[in-house]
Structures are given as C-alpha cells and as structure tokens.
Amino acid sequence: MTRTIWFARHAQSEYNKKKLFTGWHDPDLTQHGIHKAHDLKEELYGVIFDHIYSSPLKRALSTAQILADDKEIKIDDRLKERSYGDWSALNKEEVKLSEGVDNYYAARRGWETSPPNGESLKDVSLRVNPFINELPKSGNILVVSHGNTIRAISVLFGVNTETNVNSFEIKVGTVFKVKS
C-alpha cells in the first residue's frame, strides 16, 4: 500500500499580508490569496484526491474549499496553526525588536521554545501526530493546514530534524508532498 499526502499551506491571509503573527486568530484570505489558491488548484490539476482534510481556521478551510471541487472536506482541530499566545496579532518585526533576535528566532522557529502562553513546534507535533497516525494508509490525500503545523509534520516524517526544522520554509499557497 502506498499513499501520497499533499500538505498544502493556506493561501495569503490578511495577517500574512500585514506581517502579523496569526496563530489561532482567524482572518480571511486576501483577494491575492484567493487567486493563489486557484493557481494551486491548477498546479494540482489531474490529481484525484481520495481524502481531503482541513484545519477549521478560515484561511485553511477557504483554501481547501477552492481545491476540493465540492468533494467532502473533513475538518480536524488538530491541524490548526500553532498558538502564538501573547504574540498573536502582533507585528513580527516589532516582536523581534522587543524580544531580541535570539529569543525571537528561538520561539519563532525553534523546536522546544514557545512564545509566551503559546505552543512550541514540539507541542504542535504532539497535537498533530495522532492525526497523522489515523490517516488512511493508501491513496491520494490532501491536508490543508498552516506553515508551522506542516513544519512540525516534516519532522514527524523525518524530512527535517528538530535541529534543522528552523530553516524549513513552506510559502503560503504551496504544497509539501510526502510519499509513505
């Protein structure tokens, strides 16, 4: 049995456009984001997904709805973005200035450090691992989620490690594909 999983990061949201930490806040896609989701749909043309899953947050679910062609989307809370806690809705550059570069990057991209009252990537991996284990063992699977959720998933699949995941980047409106 083989399966291919396309982990799609949602298209551009209002917070992405403004360079704000989003986390569990729930902004809409921008018009540019809607167009990028349609571009991604064209990129995936010809792939027939046997199963489609999405985070419940609007930016991911809106992207999934564009990609799904009226197929059933299973919504799973475990696919939500990491919680940025006290950093949610704050400007990324302002947080970097106030926290200092080392503390900022340790919490933003490090495995075990979390923003104040937020989740670390390790926390996200512990949340999303049961979801991964419950996925069907064969077929084409689309999972629409968030950058840090996919970053944590990349470690679970052994594509990245806890130490190098800080440099792994998945842009909005793109996919990370895993065959397993």
N, C-alpha and C. Protein backbone atom coordinates (compact mmCIF):
# COMPACT_ATOMS: atom_id res chain seq x y z
N MET A 1 0.85 -1.18 0.00
CA MET A 1 0.00 0.00 0.00
C MET A 1 0.89 1.24 0.00
N THR A 2 0.56 2.14 -0.88
CA THR A 2 1.28 3.41 -0.88
C THR A 2 0.29 4.55 -0.78
N ARG A 3 0.77 5.62 -0.26
CA ARG A 3 -0.05 6.81 -0.20
C ARG A 3 0.83 8.01 -0.49
N THR A 4 0.19 9.03 -1.03
CA THR A 4 0.85 10.30 -1.25
C THR A 4 0.02 11.35 -0.53
N ILE A 5 0.68 12.14 0.30
CA ILE A 5 -0.01 13.17 1.06
C ILE A 5 0.51 14.52 0.59
N TRP A 6 -0.40 15.37 0.16
CA TRP A 6 -0.08 16.75 -0.20
C TRP A 6 -0.47 17.62 0.99
N PHE A 7 0.52 18.17 1.69
CA PHE A 7 0.27 19.11 2.77
C PHE A 7 0.31 20.50 2.16
N ALA A 8 -0.85 21.12 2.02
CA ALA A 8 -0.95 22.44 1.41
C ALA A 8 -1.02 23.49 2.50
N ARG A 9 -0.18 24.50 2.37
CA ARG A 9 -0.29 25.65 3.27
C ARG A 9 -1.33 26.59 2.66
N HIS A 10 -2.21 27.07 3.50
CA HIS A 10 -3.24 28.00 3.05
C HIS A 10 -2.63 29.15 2.25
N ALA A 11 -3.45 29.78 1.44
CA ALA A 11 -3.02 30.94 0.67
C ALA A 11 -2.96 32.18 1.59
N GLN A 12 -2.53 33.30 1.04
CA GLN A 12 -2.28 34.51 1.83
C GLN A 12 -3.53 34.99 2.58
N SER A 13 -3.35 35.22 3.88
CA SER A 13 -4.42 35.78 4.71
C SER A 13 -4.16 37.27 4.94
N GLU A 14 -5.14 37.92 5.53
CA GLU A 14 -4.99 39.34 5.88
C GLU A 14 -3.80 39.55 6.82
N TYR A 15 -3.59 38.63 7.76
CA TYR A 15 -2.46 38.77 8.69
C TYR A 15 -1.13 38.54 7.97
N ASN A 16 -1.09 37.56 7.04
CA ASN A 16 0.15 37.36 6.27
C ASN A 16 0.53 38.64 5.55
N LYS A 17 -0.46 39.26 4.94
CA LYS A 17 -0.22 40.48 4.17
C LYS A 17 0.36 41.59 5.07
N LYS A 18 -0.12 41.66 6.30
CA LYS A 18 0.31 42.71 7.23
C LYS A 18 1.53 42.30 8.06
N LYS A 19 2.04 41.07 7.84
CA LYS A 19 3.19 40.54 8.58
C LYS A 19 2.94 40.48 10.09
N LEU A 20 1.77 39.96 10.41
CA LEU A 20 1.38 39.77 11.81
C LEU A 20 1.43 38.29 12.16
N PHE A 21 1.75 37.98 13.42
CA PHE A 21 1.62 36.61 13.90
C PHE A 21 0.13 36.28 13.95
N THR A 22 -0.23 35.14 13.39
CA THR A 22 -1.65 34.78 13.31
C THR A 22 -2.04 33.78 14.37
N GLY A 23 -1.39 32.62 14.37
CA GLY A 23 -1.75 31.59 15.33
C GLY A 23 -3.20 31.19 15.19
N TRP A 24 -3.93 31.21 16.30
CA TRP A 24 -5.32 30.75 16.30
C TRP A 24 -6.30 31.86 15.95
N HIS A 25 -5.80 33.07 15.68
CA HIS A 25 -6.69 34.12 15.18
C HIS A 25 -7.22 33.65 13.83
N ASP A 26 -8.30 34.23 13.35
CA ASP A 26 -9.00 33.64 12.21
C ASP A 26 -9.30 34.64 11.09
N PRO A 27 -8.26 35.26 10.51
CA PRO A 27 -8.51 36.21 9.42
C PRO A 27 -8.88 35.50 8.12
N ASP A 28 -9.52 36.25 7.24
CA ASP A 28 -9.88 35.75 5.92
C ASP A 28 -8.69 35.76 4.98
N LEU A 29 -8.85 35.07 3.84
CA LEU A 29 -7.88 35.19 2.76
C LEU A 29 -7.99 36.58 2.15
N THR A 30 -6.88 37.07 1.60
CA THR A 30 -6.91 38.30 0.82
C THR A 30 -7.39 37.93 -0.59
N GLN A 31 -7.67 38.94 -1.40
CA GLN A 31 -8.00 38.68 -2.81
C GLN A 31 -6.82 37.99 -3.50
N HIS A 32 -5.61 38.43 -3.19
CA HIS A 32 -4.42 37.78 -3.74
C HIS A 32 -4.38 36.31 -3.31
N GLY A 33 -4.72 36.06 -2.05
CA GLY A 33 -4.74 34.69 -1.55
C GLY A 33 -5.75 33.82 -2.28
N ILE A 34 -6.91 34.36 -2.56
CA ILE A 34 -7.92 33.62 -3.31
C ILE A 34 -7.39 33.27 -4.69
N HIS A 35 -6.74 34.21 -5.34
CA HIS A 35 -6.15 33.94 -6.66
C HIS A 35 -5.06 32.88 -6.57
N LYS A 36 -4.21 32.96 -5.53
CA LYS A 36 -3.14 31.98 -5.36
C LYS A 36 -3.70 30.58 -5.09
N ALA A 37 -4.81 30.49 -4.37
CA ALA A 37 -5.44 29.19 -4.13
C ALA A 37 -5.93 28.60 -5.46
N HIS A 38 -6.46 29.45 -6.32
CA HIS A 38 -6.88 28.97 -7.66
C HIS A 38 -5.66 28.56 -8.49
N ASP A 39 -4.55 29.27 -8.35
CA ASP A 39 -3.31 28.87 -9.03
C ASP A 39 -2.85 27.50 -8.55
N LEU A 40 -2.94 27.28 -7.23
CA LEU A 40 -2.55 25.99 -6.67
C LEU A 40 -3.47 24.89 -7.19
N LYS A 41 -4.75 25.20 -7.31
CA LYS A 41 -5.69 24.22 -7.87
C LYS A 41 -5.26 23.82 -9.28
N GLU A 42 -4.84 24.78 -10.08
CA GLU A 42 -4.37 24.48 -11.44
C GLU A 42 -3.10 23.63 -11.39
N GLU A 43 -2.23 23.93 -10.45
CA GLU A 43 -0.99 23.17 -10.29
C GLU A 43 -1.29 21.70 -9.96
N LEU A 44 -2.35 21.48 -9.21
CA LEU A 44 -2.73 20.12 -8.80
C LEU A 44 -3.72 19.47 -9.77
N TYR A 45 -3.97 20.12 -10.90
CA TYR A 45 -4.91 19.61 -11.90
C TYR A 45 -4.54 18.17 -12.28
N GLY A 46 -5.51 17.32 -12.30
CA GLY A 46 -5.30 15.93 -12.67
C GLY A 46 -5.09 15.01 -11.49
N VAL A 47 -4.79 15.57 -10.31
CA VAL A 47 -4.65 14.74 -9.12
C VAL A 47 -6.05 14.53 -8.54
N ILE A 48 -6.42 13.30 -8.37
CA ILE A 48 -7.72 12.98 -7.77
C ILE A 48 -7.47 12.60 -6.32
N PHE A 49 -8.01 13.42 -5.44
CA PHE A 49 -7.81 13.19 -4.01
C PHE A 49 -8.88 12.25 -3.47
N ASP A 50 -8.42 11.21 -2.79
CA ASP A 50 -9.33 10.24 -2.18
C ASP A 50 -9.88 10.76 -0.86
N HIS A 51 -9.11 11.61 -0.22
CA HIS A 51 -9.49 12.16 1.09
C HIS A 51 -8.97 13.58 1.17
N ILE A 52 -9.78 14.47 1.76
CA ILE A 52 -9.38 15.86 1.94
C ILE A 52 -9.65 16.26 3.38
N TYR A 53 -8.63 16.83 4.01
CA TYR A 53 -8.72 17.28 5.40
C TYR A 53 -8.32 18.75 5.46
N SER A 54 -8.88 19.45 6.45
CA SER A 54 -8.53 20.86 6.62
C SER A 54 -8.57 21.26 8.08
N SER A 55 -7.72 22.22 8.38
CA SER A 55 -7.83 22.95 9.64
C SER A 55 -9.17 23.67 9.64
N PRO A 56 -9.75 23.93 10.81
CA PRO A 56 -11.02 24.67 10.86
C PRO A 56 -10.86 26.17 10.65
N LEU A 57 -9.62 26.69 10.70
CA LEU A 57 -9.43 28.13 10.58
C LEU A 57 -9.74 28.58 9.15
N LYS A 58 -10.40 29.73 9.03
CA LYS A 58 -10.95 30.19 7.74
C LYS A 58 -9.94 30.21 6.61
N ARG A 59 -8.73 30.64 6.88
CA ARG A 59 -7.74 30.75 5.80
C ARG A 59 -7.42 29.38 5.19
N ALA A 60 -7.38 28.35 6.02
CA ALA A 60 -7.13 27.00 5.52
C ALA A 60 -8.40 26.41 4.89
N LEU A 61 -9.52 26.56 5.57
CA LEU A 61 -10.76 25.99 5.06
C LEU A 61 -11.17 26.63 3.73
N SER A 62 -11.00 27.94 3.60
CA SER A 62 -11.30 28.61 2.33
C SER A 62 -10.41 28.09 1.21
N THR A 63 -9.13 27.88 1.52
CA THR A 63 -8.21 27.31 0.54
C THR A 63 -8.64 25.89 0.17
N ALA A 64 -8.99 25.10 1.17
CA ALA A 64 -9.43 23.72 0.92
C ALA A 64 -10.68 23.69 0.05
N GLN A 65 -11.61 24.59 0.30
CA GLN A 65 -12.84 24.62 -0.49
C GLN A 65 -12.56 24.93 -1.95
N ILE A 66 -11.59 25.78 -2.22
CA ILE A 66 -11.21 26.08 -3.60
C ILE A 66 -10.58 24.84 -4.24
N LEU A 67 -9.76 24.12 -3.49
CA LEU A 67 -9.05 22.96 -4.03
C LEU A 67 -9.93 21.71 -4.14
N ALA A 68 -11.00 21.64 -3.37
CA ALA A 68 -11.75 20.39 -3.22
C ALA A 68 -12.75 20.07 -4.33
N ASP A 69 -13.12 21.03 -5.14
CA ASP A 69 -14.10 20.75 -6.20
C ASP A 69 -15.37 20.10 -5.65
N ASP A 70 -15.90 20.65 -4.60
CA ASP A 70 -17.15 20.17 -3.99
C ASP A 70 -17.05 18.78 -3.37
N LYS A 71 -15.84 18.25 -3.22
CA LYS A 71 -15.68 16.97 -2.52
C LYS A 71 -15.76 17.24 -1.02
N GLU A 72 -16.05 16.21 -0.27
CA GLU A 72 -16.16 16.32 1.19
C GLU A 72 -14.82 16.72 1.80
N ILE A 73 -14.87 17.68 2.69
CA ILE A 73 -13.69 18.10 3.45
C ILE A 73 -13.92 17.73 4.90
N LYS A 74 -13.00 16.95 5.44
CA LYS A 74 -13.07 16.58 6.86
C LYS A 74 -12.27 17.61 7.64
N ILE A 75 -12.92 18.27 8.58
CA ILE A 75 -12.27 19.32 9.37
C ILE A 75 -11.73 18.70 10.66
N ASP A 76 -10.49 19.03 10.98
CA ASP A 76 -9.86 18.46 12.17
C ASP A 76 -9.12 19.57 12.93
N ASP A 77 -9.51 19.79 14.17
CA ASP A 77 -8.90 20.83 15.01
C ASP A 77 -7.41 20.63 15.22
N ARG A 78 -6.94 19.40 15.13
CA ARG A 78 -5.51 19.13 15.37
C ARG A 78 -4.63 19.75 14.28
N LEU A 79 -5.24 20.16 13.16
CA LEU A 79 -4.49 20.76 12.05
C LEU A 79 -4.33 22.27 12.18
N LYS A 80 -4.88 22.86 13.26
CA LYS A 80 -4.75 24.31 13.44
C LYS A 80 -3.28 24.72 13.50
N GLU A 81 -3.07 25.99 13.18
CA GLU A 81 -1.74 26.58 13.32
C GLU A 81 -1.31 26.51 14.78
N ARG A 82 -0.03 26.65 15.02
CA ARG A 82 0.43 26.71 16.40
C ARG A 82 -0.14 27.97 17.04
N SER A 83 -0.38 27.90 18.32
CA SER A 83 -0.82 29.08 19.05
C SER A 83 0.40 29.97 19.28
N TYR A 84 0.28 31.23 18.88
CA TYR A 84 1.35 32.18 19.15
C TYR A 84 1.13 32.90 20.48
N GLY A 85 0.12 32.51 21.23
CA GLY A 85 -0.08 33.08 22.56
C GLY A 85 -0.10 34.59 22.55
N ASP A 86 0.76 35.19 23.38
CA ASP A 86 0.79 36.65 23.54
C ASP A 86 1.27 37.37 22.28
N TRP A 87 1.89 36.64 21.35
CA TRP A 87 2.37 37.26 20.12
C TRP A 87 1.29 37.37 19.04
N SER A 88 0.17 36.69 19.23
CA SER A 88 -0.89 36.70 18.21
C SER A 88 -1.33 38.12 17.91
N ALA A 89 -1.42 38.42 16.61
CA ALA A 89 -1.85 39.72 16.06
C ALA A 89 -0.79 40.81 16.20
N LEU A 90 0.40 40.46 16.69
CA LEU A 90 1.47 41.45 16.80
C LEU A 90 2.33 41.44 15.54
N ASN A 91 2.92 42.58 15.24
CA ASN A 91 3.81 42.72 14.09
C ASN A 91 5.11 41.96 14.36
N LYS A 92 5.53 41.15 13.39
CA LYS A 92 6.70 40.30 13.57
C LYS A 92 7.98 41.11 13.82
N GLU A 93 8.18 42.19 13.08
CA GLU A 93 9.39 43.00 13.27
C GLU A 93 9.40 43.68 14.64
N GLU A 94 8.25 44.13 15.10
CA GLU A 94 8.18 44.77 16.42
C GLU A 94 8.48 43.76 17.52
N VAL A 95 7.98 42.52 17.36
CA VAL A 95 8.27 41.48 18.35
C VAL A 95 9.76 41.18 18.36
N LYS A 96 10.36 41.10 17.17
CA LYS A 96 11.80 40.83 17.09
C LYS A 96 12.60 41.90 17.82
N LEU A 97 12.22 43.15 17.64
CA LEU A 97 12.91 44.25 18.32
C LEU A 97 12.74 44.18 19.83
N SER A 98 11.53 43.88 20.29
CA SER A 98 11.29 43.87 21.73
C SER A 98 11.87 42.63 22.42
N GLU A 99 11.89 41.49 21.73
CA GLU A 99 12.36 40.24 22.33
C GLU A 99 13.86 40.03 22.17
N GLY A 100 14.45 40.67 21.15
CA GLY A 100 15.84 40.39 20.80
C GLY A 100 15.86 39.27 19.77
N VAL A 101 16.82 39.33 18.88
CA VAL A 101 16.86 38.40 17.75
C VAL A 101 16.94 36.94 18.19
N ASP A 102 17.80 36.63 19.14
CA ASP A 102 17.97 35.23 19.56
C ASP A 102 16.70 34.66 20.18
N ASN A 103 16.09 35.40 21.10
CA ASN A 103 14.84 34.93 21.72
C ASN A 103 13.71 34.82 20.70
N TYR A 104 13.67 35.77 19.80
CA TYR A 104 12.65 35.79 18.75
C TYR A 104 12.74 34.52 17.90
N TYR A 105 13.93 34.24 17.38
CA TYR A 105 14.07 33.08 16.49
C TYR A 105 13.95 31.76 17.25
N ALA A 106 14.37 31.74 18.51
CA ALA A 106 14.20 30.51 19.31
C ALA A 106 12.72 30.16 19.44
N ALA A 107 11.89 31.17 19.68
CA ALA A 107 10.45 30.91 19.83
C ALA A 107 9.75 30.80 18.48
N ARG A 108 10.19 31.53 17.50
CA ARG A 108 9.51 31.51 16.21
C ARG A 108 9.79 30.24 15.42
N ARG A 109 11.04 29.76 15.48
CA ARG A 109 11.42 28.62 14.65
C ARG A 109 12.05 27.46 15.42
N GLY A 110 12.37 27.67 16.69
CA GLY A 110 12.98 26.60 17.47
C GLY A 110 11.99 25.49 17.80
N TRP A 111 12.49 24.31 18.09
CA TRP A 111 11.65 23.15 18.33
C TRP A 111 10.96 23.20 19.69
N GLU A 112 11.69 23.56 20.73
CA GLU A 112 11.14 23.43 22.08
C GLU A 112 10.72 24.74 22.73
N THR A 113 11.07 25.87 22.15
CA THR A 113 10.75 27.15 22.77
C THR A 113 9.44 27.68 22.20
N SER A 114 8.60 28.19 23.06
CA SER A 114 7.32 28.73 22.61
C SER A 114 7.24 30.23 22.91
N PRO A 115 6.42 30.94 22.14
CA PRO A 115 6.13 32.32 22.51
C PRO A 115 5.41 32.32 23.87
N PRO A 116 5.42 33.41 24.60
CA PRO A 116 4.71 33.45 25.89
C PRO A 116 3.25 33.02 25.74
N ASN A 117 2.86 32.03 26.53
CA ASN A 117 1.50 31.49 26.54
C ASN A 117 1.09 30.86 25.21
N GLY A 118 2.08 30.43 24.41
CA GLY A 118 1.81 29.80 23.12
C GLY A 118 2.37 28.39 23.07
N GLU A 119 2.40 27.84 21.85
CA GLU A 119 2.87 26.48 21.63
C GLU A 119 4.24 26.49 20.96
N SER A 120 5.05 25.51 21.29
CA SER A 120 6.30 25.26 20.57
C SER A 120 5.99 24.36 19.38
N LEU A 121 6.95 24.22 18.49
CA LEU A 121 6.77 23.26 17.39
C LEU A 121 6.64 21.84 17.93
N LYS A 122 7.36 21.55 19.00
CA LYS A 122 7.22 20.23 19.63
C LYS A 122 5.78 20.02 20.10
N ASP A 123 5.19 21.04 20.73
CA ASP A 123 3.79 20.94 21.17
C ASP A 123 2.88 20.65 19.97
N VAL A 124 3.12 21.33 18.85
CA VAL A 124 2.30 21.12 17.65
C VAL A 124 2.47 19.69 17.15
N SER A 125 3.72 19.18 17.17
CA SER A 125 3.94 17.81 16.70
C SER A 125 3.19 16.80 17.57
N LEU A 126 3.14 17.04 18.87
CA LEU A 126 2.41 16.14 19.77
C LEU A 126 0.91 16.20 19.50
N ARG A 127 0.42 17.37 19.11
CA ARG A 127 -1.01 17.54 18.79
C ARG A 127 -1.36 16.87 17.46
N VAL A 128 -0.48 17.00 16.47
CA VAL A 128 -0.81 16.55 15.12
C VAL A 128 -0.42 15.08 14.86
N ASN A 129 0.47 14.51 15.68
CA ASN A 129 0.91 13.13 15.46
C ASN A 129 -0.24 12.12 15.45
N PRO A 130 -1.18 12.19 16.38
CA PRO A 130 -2.31 11.24 16.31
C PRO A 130 -3.11 11.38 15.00
N PHE A 131 -3.27 12.60 14.50
CA PHE A 131 -3.95 12.81 13.22
C PHE A 131 -3.21 12.07 12.11
N ILE A 132 -1.89 12.26 12.05
CA ILE A 132 -1.07 11.60 11.02
C ILE A 132 -1.24 10.08 11.11
N ASN A 133 -1.21 9.54 12.33
CA ASN A 133 -1.33 8.10 12.52
C ASN A 133 -2.70 7.56 12.11
N GLU A 134 -3.72 8.42 12.12
CA GLU A 134 -5.08 7.99 11.75
C GLU A 134 -5.39 8.15 10.27
N LEU A 135 -4.48 8.76 9.49
CA LEU A 135 -4.74 8.94 8.07
C LEU A 135 -4.84 7.59 7.37
N PRO A 136 -5.63 7.53 6.30
CA PRO A 136 -5.68 6.29 5.51
C PRO A 136 -4.29 5.88 5.06
N LYS A 137 -4.07 4.60 4.93
CA LYS A 137 -2.73 4.07 4.61
C LYS A 137 -2.46 4.01 3.11
N SER A 138 -3.45 4.39 2.29
CA SER A 138 -3.22 4.38 0.85
C SER A 138 -4.03 5.50 0.21
N GLY A 139 -3.67 5.81 -1.04
CA GLY A 139 -4.42 6.80 -1.80
C GLY A 139 -3.76 8.17 -1.82
N ASN A 140 -4.43 9.10 -2.48
CA ASN A 140 -4.00 10.49 -2.57
C ASN A 140 -4.76 11.29 -1.51
N ILE A 141 -4.02 11.94 -0.64
CA ILE A 141 -4.61 12.64 0.49
C ILE A 141 -4.17 14.10 0.45
N LEU A 142 -5.14 15.00 0.56
CA LEU A 142 -4.86 16.43 0.64
C LEU A 142 -5.13 16.89 2.06
N VAL A 143 -4.15 17.57 2.65
CA VAL A 143 -4.28 18.11 4.00
C VAL A 143 -3.97 19.61 3.91
N VAL A 144 -4.95 20.45 4.15
CA VAL A 144 -4.75 21.90 4.07
C VAL A 144 -4.59 22.43 5.49
N SER A 145 -3.44 23.05 5.72
CA SER A 145 -3.11 23.44 7.08
C SER A 145 -2.29 24.73 7.07
N HIS A 146 -1.31 24.80 7.96
CA HIS A 146 -0.58 26.04 8.23
C HIS A 146 0.92 25.79 8.23
N GLY A 147 1.68 26.86 8.08
CA GLY A 147 3.12 26.74 7.95
C GLY A 147 3.79 26.01 9.10
N ASN A 148 3.47 26.36 10.33
CA ASN A 148 4.14 25.71 11.46
C ASN A 148 3.62 24.31 11.72
N THR A 149 2.38 24.06 11.39
CA THR A 149 1.85 22.70 11.51
C THR A 149 2.58 21.80 10.52
N ILE A 150 2.74 22.28 9.29
CA ILE A 150 3.46 21.50 8.27
C ILE A 150 4.93 21.37 8.65
N ARG A 151 5.49 22.40 9.23
CA ARG A 151 6.89 22.34 9.69
C ARG A 151 7.04 21.21 10.72
N ALA A 152 6.14 21.13 11.69
CA ALA A 152 6.19 20.06 12.68
C ALA A 152 5.98 18.69 12.02
N ILE A 153 5.06 18.62 11.07
CA ILE A 153 4.80 17.37 10.35
C ILE A 153 6.04 16.91 9.60
N SER A 154 6.80 17.86 9.05
CA SER A 154 8.02 17.48 8.31
C SER A 154 9.01 16.75 9.20
N VAL A 155 9.02 17.07 10.49
CA VAL A 155 9.88 16.36 11.44
C VAL A 155 9.30 14.98 11.72
N LEU A 156 8.00 14.88 11.86
CA LEU A 156 7.37 13.58 12.12
C LEU A 156 7.65 12.59 10.99
N PHE A 157 7.74 13.08 9.75
CA PHE A 157 8.02 12.21 8.61
C PHE A 157 9.53 12.04 8.36
N GLY A 158 10.37 12.67 9.18
CA GLY A 158 11.81 12.51 9.03
C GLY A 158 12.42 13.30 7.89
N VAL A 159 11.66 14.21 7.30
CA VAL A 159 12.18 15.06 6.24
C VAL A 159 13.12 16.10 6.84
N ASN A 160 12.76 16.59 8.01
CA ASN A 160 13.59 17.52 8.77
C ASN A 160 13.84 16.93 10.15
N THR A 161 14.77 17.54 10.87
CA THR A 161 15.04 17.14 12.24
C THR A 161 14.65 18.28 13.18
N GLU A 162 14.65 17.99 14.46
CA GLU A 162 14.33 19.01 15.45
C GLU A 162 15.33 20.16 15.40
N THR A 163 16.55 19.90 14.95
CA THR A 163 17.57 20.95 14.92
C THR A 163 17.60 21.73 13.61
N ASN A 164 17.21 21.12 12.49
CA ASN A 164 17.27 21.87 11.23
C ASN A 164 15.91 22.39 10.76
N VAL A 165 14.84 22.05 11.47
CA VAL A 165 13.49 22.47 11.04
C VAL A 165 13.36 23.99 11.03
N ASN A 166 14.21 24.67 11.79
CA ASN A 166 14.13 26.13 11.84
C ASN A 166 14.39 26.79 10.49
N SER A 167 15.05 26.08 9.58
CA SER A 167 15.31 26.66 8.26
C SER A 167 14.34 26.17 7.19
N PHE A 168 13.41 25.29 7.56
CA PHE A 168 12.44 24.76 6.60
C PHE A 168 11.34 25.79 6.38
N GLU A 169 11.10 26.13 5.12
CA GLU A 169 10.11 27.16 4.79
C GLU A 169 9.11 26.59 3.78
N ILE A 170 7.85 26.80 4.03
CA ILE A 170 6.81 26.47 3.06
C ILE A 170 5.98 27.74 2.87
N LYS A 171 6.02 28.26 1.68
CA LYS A 171 5.34 29.52 1.39
C LYS A 171 3.83 29.33 1.34
N VAL A 172 3.09 30.44 1.59
CA VAL A 172 1.64 30.37 1.51
C VAL A 172 1.24 29.94 0.09
N GLY A 173 0.20 29.11 0.02
CA GLY A 173 -0.31 28.69 -1.27
C GLY A 173 0.56 27.68 -1.99
N THR A 174 1.37 26.92 -1.25
CA THR A 174 2.21 25.89 -1.86
C THR A 174 2.00 24.56 -1.15
N VAL A 175 2.57 23.49 -1.71
CA VAL A 175 2.42 22.18 -1.10
C VAL A 175 3.76 21.54 -0.77
N PHE A 176 3.70 20.70 0.22
CA PHE A 176 4.81 19.84 0.67
C PHE A 176 4.30 18.43 0.50
N LYS A 177 4.93 17.65 -0.36
CA LYS A 177 4.42 16.33 -0.74
C LYS A 177 5.24 15.23 -0.08
N VAL A 178 4.55 14.24 0.50
CA VAL A 178 5.19 13.12 1.17
C VAL A 178 4.61 11.84 0.61
N LYS A 179 5.50 10.92 0.22
CA LYS A 179 5.06 9.56 -0.16
C LYS A 179 5.46 8.64 0.97
N SER A 180 4.49 7.85 1.41
CA SER A 180 4.81 6.93 2.52
C SER A 180 4.07 5.62 2.34
